[in-house]
Amino acid sequence: MLTAVDHVQVAAPPDSEDRLRVYYTDVLGMTEIPKPPVLAARGGCWFAAGPVQLHLGVEDDFRPARKAHPGLRVTGIEEYAQRLQERGAKVVWDENLPGHRRFYSEDPVGNRLEFLEPYEAEPGS
């Protein structure tokens, strides 16, 4: 029986780790977590924010994920979008998911990321 998503892995091109570290730590506010040594030898980097983990794995024939993406739940979505924009990240709002505010952005290698926050329940609903 499935109980949770442990992590999401996103591909990255070789030698992109420094750019990814800046984006995922400084822009998104995540913390880099150490990879086990045998996996660290393959390149890439891992990040966490609370129970959320994103793993960036090096792929020699890399192509950015433009449709497939992790959906990351946030609190204070307006402020979070502003944080990304202030740090140079593109924010594209999308109002097509009922019950949610959401926007898309891209990491420095072109992978699509979705950020969403459910609307608070209306009183009496």
C-alpha atoms as a PDB file:
ATOM      1  CA  MET A   1       0.000   0.000   0.000  1.00  0.00           C
ATOM      2  CA  LEU A   2       1.320   3.445  -0.907  1.00  0.00           C
ATOM      3  CA  THR A   3       1.555   5.833   2.022  1.00  0.00           C
ATOM      4  CA  ALA A   4       3.350   8.926   0.691  1.00  0.00           C
ATOM      5  CA  VAL A   5       5.559  10.302  -2.043  1.00  0.00           C
ATOM      6  CA  ASP A   6       9.120  10.041  -0.751  1.00  0.00           C
ATOM      7  CA  HIS A   7      10.669  12.358  -3.341  1.00  0.00           C
ATOM      8  CA  VAL A   8      10.399  13.578  -6.905  1.00  0.00           C
ATOM      9  CA  GLN A   9      13.385  13.340  -9.231  1.00  0.00           C
ATOM     10  CA  VAL A  10      13.893  15.875 -11.991  1.00  0.00           C
ATOM     11  CA  ALA A  11      16.591  15.573 -14.640  1.00  0.00           C
ATOM     12  CA  ALA A  12      19.384  18.072 -15.146  1.00  0.00           C
ATOM     13  CA  PRO A  13      22.270  18.412 -17.595  1.00  0.00           C
ATOM     14  CA  PRO A  14      25.833  17.580 -16.620  1.00  0.00           C
ATOM     15  CA  ASP A  15      27.736  20.315 -14.766  1.00  0.00           C
ATOM     16  CA  SER A  16      24.601  22.275 -13.818  1.00  0.00           C
ATOM     17  CA  GLU A  17      24.774  21.634 -10.068  1.00  0.00           C
ATOM     18  CA  ASP A  18      26.056  25.107  -9.118  1.00  0.00           C
ATOM     19  CA  ARG A  19      23.185  26.845 -10.943  1.00  0.00           C
ATOM     20  CA  LEU A  20      20.691  24.420  -9.437  1.00  0.00           C
ATOM     21  CA  ARG A  21      22.039  24.992  -5.921  1.00  0.00           C
ATOM     22  CA  VAL A  22      21.560  28.750  -6.255  1.00  0.00           C
ATOM     23  CA  TYR A  23      18.014  28.356  -7.546  1.00  0.00           C
ATOM     24  CA  TYR A  24      16.744  25.672  -5.190  1.00  0.00           C
ATOM     25  CA  THR A  25      18.324  27.189  -2.052  1.00  0.00           C
ATOM     26  CA  ASP A  26      18.400  30.958  -2.642  1.00  0.00           C
ATOM     27  CA  VAL A  27      15.323  31.343  -4.845  1.00  0.00           C
ATOM     28  CA  LEU A  28      13.021  28.573  -3.568  1.00  0.00           C
ATOM     29  CA  GLY A  29      14.355  28.549   0.006  1.00  0.00           C
ATOM     30  CA  MET A  30      15.057  24.818   0.156  1.00  0.00           C
ATOM     31  CA  THR A  31      17.996  23.195   1.959  1.00  0.00           C
ATOM     32  CA  GLU A  32      20.512  21.018   0.164  1.00  0.00           C
ATOM     33  CA  ILE A  33      20.705  17.559   1.695  1.00  0.00           C
ATOM     34  CA  PRO A  34      23.690  15.256   1.233  1.00  0.00           C
ATOM     35  CA  LYS A  35      23.483  12.413  -1.247  1.00  0.00           C
ATOM     36  CA  PRO A  36      24.892   9.042  -0.205  1.00  0.00           C
ATOM     37  CA  PRO A  37      28.507   8.850  -1.453  1.00  0.00           C
ATOM     38  CA  VAL A  38      27.831   6.134  -4.034  1.00  0.00           C
ATOM     39  CA  LEU A  39      25.057   8.302  -5.540  1.00  0.00           C
ATOM     40  CA  ALA A  40      26.972  11.576  -5.177  1.00  0.00           C
ATOM     41  CA  ALA A  41      29.575  10.170  -7.561  1.00  0.00           C
ATOM     42  CA  ARG A  42      26.927  10.304 -10.301  1.00  0.00           C
ATOM     43  CA  GLY A  43      26.477  14.066  -9.922  1.00  0.00           C
ATOM     44  CA  GLY A  44      23.271  15.921  -9.251  1.00  0.00           C
ATOM     45  CA  CYS A  45      21.995  17.302  -5.966  1.00  0.00           C
ATOM     46  CA  TRP A  46      19.111  16.842  -3.536  1.00  0.00           C
ATOM     47  CA  PHE A  47      16.998  19.455  -1.756  1.00  0.00           C
ATOM     48  CA  ALA A  48      14.368  19.466   0.981  1.00  0.00           C
ATOM     49  CA  ALA A  49      11.832  21.799   2.554  1.00  0.00           C
ATOM     50  CA  GLY A  50      10.132  20.108   5.489  1.00  0.00           C
ATOM     51  CA  PRO A  51       8.922  16.707   4.250  1.00  0.00           C
ATOM     52  CA  VAL A  52       9.232  17.718   0.566  1.00  0.00           C
ATOM     53  CA  GLN A  53      12.284  16.402  -1.294  1.00  0.00           C
ATOM     54  CA  LEU A  54      13.381  17.161  -4.846  1.00  0.00           C
ATOM     55  CA  HIS A  55      16.258  15.208  -6.345  1.00  0.00           C
ATOM     56  CA  LEU A  56      18.073  16.585  -9.385  1.00  0.00           C
ATOM     57  CA  GLY A  57      19.719  13.778 -11.314  1.00  0.00           C
ATOM     58  CA  VAL A  58      22.227  14.259 -14.093  1.00  0.00           C
ATOM     59  CA  GLU A  59      21.128  12.987 -17.485  1.00  0.00           C
ATOM     60  CA  ASP A  60      23.677  13.088 -20.324  1.00  0.00           C
ATOM     61  CA  ASP A  61      20.995  13.446 -23.004  1.00  0.00           C
ATOM     62  CA  PHE A  62      19.078  16.052 -20.971  1.00  0.00           C
ATOM     63  CA  ARG A  63      15.940  17.736 -22.258  1.00  0.00           C
ATOM     64  CA  PRO A  64      13.986  19.968 -19.850  1.00  0.00           C
ATOM     65  CA  ALA A  65      10.614  18.750 -18.650  1.00  0.00           C
ATOM     66  CA  ARG A  66       8.202  21.273 -20.159  1.00  0.00           C
ATOM     67  CA  LYS A  67       4.959  19.398 -19.433  1.00  0.00           C
ATOM     68  CA  ALA A  68       5.804  16.878 -16.700  1.00  0.00           C
ATOM     69  CA  HIS A  69       6.469  18.680 -13.414  1.00  0.00           C
ATOM     70  CA  PRO A  70       6.340  18.437  -9.639  1.00  0.00           C
ATOM     71  CA  GLY A  71       3.382  20.222  -8.058  1.00  0.00           C
ATOM     72  CA  LEU A  72       4.601  21.909  -4.891  1.00  0.00           C
ATOM     73  CA  ARG A  73       2.101  23.065  -2.287  1.00  0.00           C
ATOM     74  CA  VAL A  74       2.950  26.391  -0.652  1.00  0.00           C
ATOM     75  CA  THR A  75       1.488  28.710   1.959  1.00  0.00           C
ATOM     76  CA  GLY A  76       1.290  32.431   1.270  1.00  0.00           C
ATOM     77  CA  ILE A  77       1.406  31.942  -2.493  1.00  0.00           C
ATOM     78  CA  GLU A  78       1.333  35.658  -3.356  1.00  0.00           C
ATOM     79  CA  GLU A  79       4.356  36.339  -1.148  1.00  0.00           C
ATOM     80  CA  TYR A  80       6.112  33.235  -2.439  1.00  0.00           C
ATOM     81  CA  ALA A  81       5.580  34.317  -6.061  1.00  0.00           C
ATOM     82  CA  GLN A  82       6.959  37.731  -5.167  1.00  0.00           C
ATOM     83  CA  ARG A  83      10.030  36.071  -3.603  1.00  0.00           C
ATOM     84  CA  LEU A  84      10.712  34.199  -6.847  1.00  0.00           C
ATOM     85  CA  GLN A  85      10.260  37.304  -8.995  1.00  0.00           C
ATOM     86  CA  GLU A  86      12.543  39.368  -6.752  1.00  0.00           C
ATOM     87  CA  ARG A  87      15.223  36.740  -7.294  1.00  0.00           C
ATOM     88  CA  GLY A  88      14.827  36.793 -11.067  1.00  0.00           C
ATOM     89  CA  ALA A  89      12.565  33.772 -11.594  1.00  0.00           C
ATOM     90  CA  LYS A  90       9.677  33.921 -14.031  1.00  0.00           C
ATOM     91  CA  VAL A  91       6.185  33.511 -12.538  1.00  0.00           C
ATOM     92  CA  VAL A  92       3.229  32.628 -14.778  1.00  0.00           C
ATOM     93  CA  TRP A  93      -0.137  32.566 -13.009  1.00  0.00           C
ATOM     94  CA  ASP A  94      -2.765  30.011 -14.056  1.00  0.00           C
ATOM     95  CA  GLU A  95      -6.346  30.211 -12.768  1.00  0.00           C
ATOM     96  CA  ASN A  96      -7.551  26.951 -14.375  1.00  0.00           C
ATOM     97  CA  LEU A  97      -7.434  24.658 -11.326  1.00  0.00           C
ATOM     98  CA  PRO A  98     -10.675  24.996  -9.344  1.00  0.00           C
ATOM     99  CA  GLY A  99     -10.195  25.653  -5.644  1.00  0.00           C
ATOM    100  CA  HIS A 100      -6.539  26.693  -5.978  1.00  0.00           C
ATOM    101  CA  ARG A 101      -4.264  29.616  -6.686  1.00  0.00           C
ATOM    102  CA  ARG A 102      -1.288  28.458  -8.702  1.00  0.00           C
ATOM    103  CA  PHE A 103       1.598  29.556 -10.851  1.00  0.00           C
ATOM    104  CA  TYR A 104       4.335  27.967 -12.897  1.00  0.00           C
ATOM    105  CA  SER A 105       8.023  28.747 -12.989  1.00  0.00           C
ATOM    106  CA  GLU A 106      11.160  27.134 -14.400  1.00  0.00           C
ATOM    107  CA  ASP A 107      14.414  26.154 -12.806  1.00  0.00           C
ATOM    108  CA  PRO A 108      17.651  27.398 -14.439  1.00  0.00           C
ATOM    109  CA  VAL A 109      17.829  24.396 -16.766  1.00  0.00           C
ATOM    110  CA  GLY A 110      14.261  24.815 -18.027  1.00  0.00           C
ATOM    111  CA  ASN A 111      12.320  22.263 -15.954  1.00  0.00           C
ATOM    112  CA  ARG A 112       8.717  23.283 -15.277  1.00  0.00           C
ATOM    113  CA  LEU A 113       7.645  23.638 -11.635  1.00  0.00           C
ATOM    114  CA  GLU A 114       4.090  24.185 -10.378  1.00  0.00           C
ATOM    115  CA  PHE A 115       3.360  25.989  -7.098  1.00  0.00           C
ATOM    116  CA  LEU A 116      -0.140  25.837  -5.681  1.00  0.00           C
ATOM    117  CA  GLU A 117      -2.185  26.741  -2.631  1.00  0.00           C
ATOM    118  CA  PRO A 118      -5.795  25.703  -2.032  1.00  0.00           C
ATOM    119  CA  TYR A 119      -8.297  28.467  -1.374  1.00  0.00           C
ATOM    120  CA  GLU A 120      -9.461  28.518   2.207  1.00  0.00           C
ATOM    121  CA  ALA A 121     -12.870  26.942   2.726  1.00  0.00           C
ATOM    122  CA  GLU A 122     -15.745  29.401   2.735  1.00  0.00           C
ATOM    123  CA  PRO A 123     -17.377  29.833   6.168  1.00  0.00           C
ATOM    124  CA  GLY A 124     -20.294  27.436   6.520  1.00  0.00           C
ATOM    125  CA  SER A 125     -19.197  25.145   3.693  1.00  0.00           C
END
